Amino acid sequence: MADEDAIELKFRLFDGSDIGPNKYDPSTTVASLKEIILARWPQDKEIAPKTINDVKLINAGRILENNRTLAESRVSVGELPGGVITMHVVVRPPQVDKNKKRQKNDPRENRCLCTIL
């Protein structure tokens, strides 16, 4: 990887803390970036992803697809030479266990969720 082609990225977590910055080749896939994020995820966080499918990377308002590279995702190097691109990391909330369905007579089941103004 030529250093001038490298894209410098940092990953902003939900609480405002960062992972990085580090330099990546434009041919790096989004899935491999997510694996790096999982490996470097701070252990002291209450919410932690378990797989790459639990993580969404957002750059310039767009969710990046796992099978695409940084170059294909059009991750721009930024206006300033040597600038660091910040990608936002969104963690999918844990899935509710489907075996623990609400009981039939649960009062919440028939409650209206409308708001009257």
N, C-alpha and C. Protein backbone atom coordinates (compact mmCIF):
# COMPACT_ATOMS: atom_id res chain seq x y z
N MET A 1 0.85 -1.18 0.00
CA MET A 1 0.00 0.00 0.00
C MET A 1 0.89 1.24 0.00
N ALA A 2 0.69 2.08 -0.97
CA ALA A 2 1.42 3.33 -1.02
C ALA A 2 0.82 4.28 0.02
N ASP A 3 1.68 4.93 0.76
CA ASP A 3 1.22 5.78 1.86
C ASP A 3 0.34 6.93 1.37
N GLU A 4 0.63 7.43 0.14
CA GLU A 4 -0.18 8.55 -0.35
C GLU A 4 -1.59 8.11 -0.75
N ASP A 5 -1.79 6.81 -1.00
CA ASP A 5 -3.11 6.29 -1.34
C ASP A 5 -3.93 5.94 -0.10
N ALA A 6 -3.26 5.80 1.04
CA ALA A 6 -3.93 5.36 2.27
C ALA A 6 -4.99 6.35 2.70
N ILE A 7 -6.05 5.81 3.25
CA ILE A 7 -7.14 6.63 3.78
C ILE A 7 -7.08 6.52 5.30
N GLU A 8 -6.97 7.66 5.96
CA GLU A 8 -6.89 7.66 7.42
C GLU A 8 -8.30 7.80 8.00
N LEU A 9 -8.68 6.81 8.80
CA LEU A 9 -10.01 6.75 9.37
C LEU A 9 -9.97 6.66 10.88
N LYS A 10 -11.00 7.24 11.50
CA LYS A 10 -11.26 6.95 12.91
C LYS A 10 -12.75 6.63 13.00
N PHE A 11 -13.09 5.84 14.00
CA PHE A 11 -14.46 5.37 14.15
C PHE A 11 -15.04 5.96 15.43
N ARG A 12 -16.09 6.76 15.29
CA ARG A 12 -16.73 7.43 16.42
C ARG A 12 -17.84 6.53 16.96
N LEU A 13 -17.71 6.16 18.23
CA LEU A 13 -18.70 5.30 18.87
C LEU A 13 -19.87 6.13 19.39
N PHE A 14 -20.93 5.45 19.83
CA PHE A 14 -22.17 6.10 20.26
C PHE A 14 -21.98 7.06 21.43
N ASP A 15 -20.96 6.84 22.24
CA ASP A 15 -20.75 7.71 23.41
C ASP A 15 -19.76 8.84 23.14
N GLY A 16 -19.32 8.98 21.90
CA GLY A 16 -18.39 10.05 21.54
C GLY A 16 -16.93 9.65 21.59
N SER A 17 -16.62 8.46 22.09
CA SER A 17 -15.22 8.01 22.09
C SER A 17 -14.85 7.49 20.70
N ASP A 18 -13.57 7.38 20.44
CA ASP A 18 -13.08 6.99 19.11
C ASP A 18 -12.22 5.74 19.16
N ILE A 19 -12.23 5.01 18.05
CA ILE A 19 -11.27 3.95 17.78
C ILE A 19 -10.43 4.48 16.62
N GLY A 20 -9.12 4.55 16.82
CA GLY A 20 -8.27 5.06 15.75
C GLY A 20 -7.76 6.44 16.11
N PRO A 21 -7.19 7.15 15.17
CA PRO A 21 -7.16 6.93 13.73
C PRO A 21 -6.08 5.94 13.30
N ASN A 22 -6.36 5.27 12.17
CA ASN A 22 -5.43 4.36 11.52
C ASN A 22 -5.57 4.53 10.02
N LYS A 23 -4.52 4.12 9.28
CA LYS A 23 -4.53 4.23 7.82
C LYS A 23 -4.94 2.89 7.22
N TYR A 24 -5.76 2.98 6.16
CA TYR A 24 -6.27 1.79 5.48
C TYR A 24 -6.11 1.97 3.98
N ASP A 25 -5.88 0.86 3.29
CA ASP A 25 -5.79 0.83 1.85
C ASP A 25 -7.19 1.03 1.26
N PRO A 26 -7.33 1.74 0.15
CA PRO A 26 -8.65 1.93 -0.47
C PRO A 26 -9.33 0.61 -0.87
N SER A 27 -8.55 -0.47 -1.00
CA SER A 27 -9.13 -1.77 -1.37
C SER A 27 -9.67 -2.54 -0.16
N THR A 28 -9.56 -1.96 1.04
CA THR A 28 -10.07 -2.60 2.26
C THR A 28 -11.59 -2.65 2.19
N THR A 29 -12.17 -3.81 2.51
CA THR A 29 -13.63 -3.93 2.49
C THR A 29 -14.23 -3.39 3.78
N VAL A 30 -15.49 -3.01 3.69
CA VAL A 30 -16.21 -2.51 4.86
C VAL A 30 -16.31 -3.63 5.90
N ALA A 31 -16.52 -4.88 5.45
CA ALA A 31 -16.61 -6.01 6.38
C ALA A 31 -15.32 -6.17 7.18
N SER A 32 -14.16 -5.99 6.53
CA SER A 32 -12.90 -6.12 7.27
C SER A 32 -12.71 -4.96 8.24
N LEU A 33 -13.21 -3.76 7.90
CA LEU A 33 -13.17 -2.65 8.85
C LEU A 33 -14.01 -2.97 10.08
N LYS A 34 -15.17 -3.59 9.87
CA LYS A 34 -16.04 -3.96 10.98
C LYS A 34 -15.37 -5.00 11.87
N GLU A 35 -14.62 -5.94 11.26
CA GLU A 35 -13.89 -6.93 12.06
C GLU A 35 -12.82 -6.24 12.92
N ILE A 36 -12.16 -5.24 12.35
CA ILE A 36 -11.16 -4.47 13.11
C ILE A 36 -11.83 -3.75 14.27
N ILE A 37 -13.00 -3.17 14.01
CA ILE A 37 -13.74 -2.47 15.08
C ILE A 37 -14.11 -3.44 16.19
N LEU A 38 -14.59 -4.64 15.83
CA LEU A 38 -14.94 -5.64 16.84
C LEU A 38 -13.73 -6.01 17.69
N ALA A 39 -12.59 -6.18 17.04
CA ALA A 39 -11.37 -6.57 17.76
C ALA A 39 -10.88 -5.47 18.69
N ARG A 40 -11.11 -4.21 18.33
CA ARG A 40 -10.61 -3.08 19.12
C ARG A 40 -11.69 -2.46 20.00
N TRP A 41 -12.87 -3.06 20.05
CA TRP A 41 -13.98 -2.49 20.82
C TRP A 41 -13.58 -2.38 22.29
N PRO A 42 -13.77 -1.22 22.92
CA PRO A 42 -13.40 -1.05 24.33
C PRO A 42 -14.19 -2.02 25.22
N GLN A 43 -13.50 -2.69 26.11
CA GLN A 43 -14.11 -3.70 26.97
C GLN A 43 -15.03 -3.10 28.03
N ASP A 44 -14.87 -1.81 28.32
CA ASP A 44 -15.65 -1.20 29.40
C ASP A 44 -17.02 -0.69 28.94
N LYS A 45 -17.37 -0.90 27.68
CA LYS A 45 -18.66 -0.42 27.16
C LYS A 45 -19.77 -1.41 27.51
N GLU A 46 -20.92 -0.87 27.93
CA GLU A 46 -22.08 -1.72 28.24
C GLU A 46 -22.62 -2.37 26.98
N ILE A 47 -22.72 -1.59 25.92
CA ILE A 47 -23.24 -2.10 24.65
C ILE A 47 -22.06 -2.50 23.78
N ALA A 48 -22.04 -3.76 23.36
CA ALA A 48 -20.95 -4.24 22.51
C ALA A 48 -21.52 -5.14 21.42
N PRO A 49 -21.07 -4.94 20.19
CA PRO A 49 -21.53 -5.81 19.11
C PRO A 49 -20.90 -7.19 19.23
N LYS A 50 -21.64 -8.21 18.78
CA LYS A 50 -21.13 -9.58 18.82
C LYS A 50 -20.60 -10.04 17.47
N THR A 51 -21.21 -9.55 16.38
CA THR A 51 -20.76 -9.91 15.03
C THR A 51 -20.72 -8.64 14.18
N ILE A 52 -20.15 -8.76 12.97
CA ILE A 52 -20.08 -7.59 12.10
C ILE A 52 -21.47 -7.17 11.65
N ASN A 53 -22.44 -8.08 11.70
CA ASN A 53 -23.81 -7.72 11.31
C ASN A 53 -24.49 -6.85 12.36
N ASP A 54 -23.92 -6.76 13.56
CA ASP A 54 -24.46 -5.89 14.61
C ASP A 54 -23.95 -4.46 14.48
N VAL A 55 -23.04 -4.23 13.52
CA VAL A 55 -22.40 -2.93 13.37
C VAL A 55 -22.79 -2.31 12.03
N LYS A 56 -23.11 -1.03 12.06
CA LYS A 56 -23.31 -0.27 10.83
C LYS A 56 -22.31 0.86 10.82
N LEU A 57 -21.65 1.04 9.68
CA LEU A 57 -20.71 2.15 9.50
C LEU A 57 -21.38 3.21 8.65
N ILE A 58 -21.33 4.45 9.12
CA ILE A 58 -21.96 5.54 8.40
C ILE A 58 -20.89 6.57 8.05
N ASN A 59 -20.84 6.90 6.76
CA ASN A 59 -19.91 7.92 6.29
C ASN A 59 -20.69 8.90 5.42
N ALA A 60 -20.62 10.17 5.74
CA ALA A 60 -21.30 11.23 4.99
C ALA A 60 -22.79 10.93 4.84
N GLY A 61 -23.40 10.40 5.90
CA GLY A 61 -24.83 10.15 5.90
C GLY A 61 -25.26 8.88 5.19
N ARG A 62 -24.31 8.06 4.73
CA ARG A 62 -24.64 6.83 4.02
C ARG A 62 -24.17 5.62 4.81
N ILE A 63 -25.01 4.59 4.87
CA ILE A 63 -24.62 3.32 5.50
C ILE A 63 -23.79 2.56 4.48
N LEU A 64 -22.60 2.13 4.89
CA LEU A 64 -21.70 1.43 3.98
C LEU A 64 -22.01 -0.06 3.96
N GLU A 65 -21.94 -0.66 2.77
CA GLU A 65 -22.26 -2.07 2.58
C GLU A 65 -21.03 -2.93 2.81
N ASN A 66 -21.23 -4.09 3.47
CA ASN A 66 -20.13 -4.98 3.85
C ASN A 66 -19.26 -5.42 2.68
N ASN A 67 -19.86 -5.71 1.53
CA ASN A 67 -19.11 -6.30 0.43
C ASN A 67 -18.38 -5.28 -0.43
N ARG A 68 -18.47 -4.02 -0.10
CA ARG A 68 -17.82 -2.98 -0.90
C ARG A 68 -16.51 -2.54 -0.26
N THR A 69 -15.61 -2.04 -1.10
CA THR A 69 -14.34 -1.52 -0.60
C THR A 69 -14.50 -0.05 -0.27
N LEU A 70 -13.48 0.51 0.37
CA LEU A 70 -13.51 1.94 0.66
C LEU A 70 -13.59 2.75 -0.64
N ALA A 71 -12.84 2.32 -1.64
CA ALA A 71 -12.85 3.04 -2.92
C ALA A 71 -14.23 2.96 -3.57
N GLU A 72 -14.85 1.76 -3.56
CA GLU A 72 -16.18 1.59 -4.14
C GLU A 72 -17.24 2.37 -3.37
N SER A 73 -17.02 2.54 -2.08
CA SER A 73 -17.97 3.27 -1.24
C SER A 73 -17.79 4.78 -1.38
N ARG A 74 -16.84 5.16 -2.22
CA ARG A 74 -16.55 6.58 -2.48
C ARG A 74 -16.22 7.34 -1.20
N VAL A 75 -15.39 6.72 -0.37
CA VAL A 75 -14.93 7.42 0.83
C VAL A 75 -13.88 8.42 0.37
N SER A 76 -14.24 9.68 0.44
CA SER A 76 -13.33 10.71 -0.05
C SER A 76 -12.26 10.99 0.99
N VAL A 77 -11.13 11.42 0.51
CA VAL A 77 -9.99 11.66 1.39
C VAL A 77 -10.16 12.95 2.19
N GLY A 78 -11.12 13.75 1.86
CA GLY A 78 -11.34 14.98 2.61
C GLY A 78 -10.68 16.17 1.94
N GLU A 79 -11.01 17.33 2.42
CA GLU A 79 -10.52 18.56 1.80
C GLU A 79 -9.08 18.85 2.18
N LEU A 80 -8.71 18.54 3.42
CA LEU A 80 -7.37 18.86 3.89
C LEU A 80 -6.42 17.70 3.66
N PRO A 81 -5.23 17.99 3.12
CA PRO A 81 -4.26 16.90 2.99
C PRO A 81 -3.89 16.39 4.38
N GLY A 82 -3.85 15.08 4.53
CA GLY A 82 -3.54 14.50 5.82
C GLY A 82 -4.73 14.51 6.76
N GLY A 83 -5.91 14.82 6.25
CA GLY A 83 -7.11 14.87 7.10
C GLY A 83 -7.59 13.48 7.46
N VAL A 84 -8.24 13.37 8.60
CA VAL A 84 -8.77 12.10 9.08
C VAL A 84 -10.27 12.08 8.83
N ILE A 85 -10.76 11.00 8.26
CA ILE A 85 -12.19 10.84 8.02
C ILE A 85 -12.80 10.15 9.23
N THR A 86 -13.88 10.72 9.75
CA THR A 86 -14.57 10.12 10.88
C THR A 86 -15.79 9.36 10.37
N MET A 87 -15.85 8.08 10.71
CA MET A 87 -17.03 7.27 10.39
C MET A 87 -17.76 7.00 11.69
N HIS A 88 -19.07 7.05 11.63
CA HIS A 88 -19.88 6.80 12.82
C HIS A 88 -20.23 5.33 12.88
N VAL A 89 -20.15 4.77 14.08
CA VAL A 89 -20.44 3.36 14.31
C VAL A 89 -21.77 3.27 15.05
N VAL A 90 -22.71 2.55 14.47
CA VAL A 90 -24.01 2.33 15.10
C VAL A 90 -24.11 0.85 15.42
N VAL A 91 -24.47 0.54 16.67
CA VAL A 91 -24.60 -0.86 17.09
C VAL A 91 -26.08 -1.21 17.12
N ARG A 92 -26.41 -2.30 16.43
CA ARG A 92 -27.79 -2.78 16.43
C ARG A 92 -28.13 -3.26 17.83
N PRO A 93 -29.30 -2.86 18.35
CA PRO A 93 -29.67 -3.32 19.70
C PRO A 93 -29.86 -4.83 19.71
N PRO A 94 -29.64 -5.45 20.88
CA PRO A 94 -29.78 -6.91 20.96
C PRO A 94 -31.20 -7.33 20.58
N GLN A 95 -31.30 -8.44 19.89
CA GLN A 95 -32.60 -8.96 19.46
C GLN A 95 -33.35 -9.53 20.66
N VAL A 96 -34.66 -9.30 20.68
CA VAL A 96 -35.51 -9.86 21.72
C VAL A 96 -35.67 -11.34 21.45
N ASP A 97 -35.58 -12.12 22.49
CA ASP A 97 -35.72 -13.56 22.35
C ASP A 97 -37.15 -13.88 21.88
N LYS A 98 -37.25 -14.53 20.73
CA LYS A 98 -38.57 -14.83 20.16
C LYS A 98 -39.34 -15.84 21.00
N ASN A 99 -38.66 -16.60 21.83
CA ASN A 99 -39.33 -17.58 22.69
C ASN A 99 -40.02 -16.92 23.87
N LYS A 100 -39.63 -15.71 24.17
CA LYS A 100 -40.22 -14.98 25.30
C LYS A 100 -41.25 -14.00 24.79
N LYS A 101 -42.27 -14.50 24.15
CA LYS A 101 -43.33 -13.64 23.63
C LYS A 101 -44.19 -13.14 24.78
N ARG A 102 -44.89 -12.04 24.53
CA ARG A 102 -45.78 -11.51 25.55
C ARG A 102 -46.88 -12.51 25.85
N GLN A 103 -47.33 -12.47 27.08
CA GLN A 103 -48.42 -13.34 27.46
C GLN A 103 -49.70 -12.83 26.83
N LYS A 104 -50.66 -13.73 26.61
CA LYS A 104 -51.89 -13.38 25.91
C LYS A 104 -52.65 -12.24 26.57
N ASN A 105 -52.71 -12.19 27.89
CA ASN A 105 -53.51 -11.18 28.58
C ASN A 105 -52.68 -9.96 28.98
N ASP A 106 -51.61 -9.72 28.28
CA ASP A 106 -50.77 -8.57 28.57
C ASP A 106 -51.53 -7.30 28.23
N PRO A 107 -51.74 -6.39 29.20
CA PRO A 107 -52.51 -5.17 28.92
C PRO A 107 -51.84 -4.26 27.90
N ARG A 108 -50.52 -4.37 27.71
CA ARG A 108 -49.83 -3.53 26.75
C ARG A 108 -50.20 -3.89 25.31
N GLU A 109 -50.67 -5.10 25.12
CA GLU A 109 -50.95 -5.57 23.77
C GLU A 109 -52.07 -4.78 23.09
N ASN A 110 -53.08 -4.38 23.83
CA ASN A 110 -54.22 -3.70 23.25
C ASN A 110 -54.20 -2.20 23.49
N ARG A 111 -53.12 -1.68 23.98
CA ARG A 111 -53.04 -0.26 24.31
C ARG A 111 -52.80 0.56 23.04
N CYS A 112 -53.48 1.67 22.95
CA CYS A 112 -53.32 2.59 21.83
C CYS A 112 -52.00 3.35 21.99
N LEU A 113 -51.27 3.49 20.91
CA LEU A 113 -50.00 4.20 20.96
C LEU A 113 -50.11 5.60 20.36
N CYS A 114 -51.35 6.07 20.15
CA CYS A 114 -51.57 7.39 19.54
C CYS A 114 -51.32 8.50 20.55
N THR A 115 -50.95 9.63 20.02
CA THR A 115 -50.79 10.83 20.83
C THR A 115 -51.78 11.86 20.34
N ILE A 116 -52.61 12.36 21.23
CA ILE A 116 -53.60 13.36 20.87
C ILE A 116 -53.06 14.71 21.27
N LEU A 117 -53.00 15.60 20.30
CA LEU A 117 -52.45 16.93 20.55
C LEU A 117 -53.54 17.94 20.78
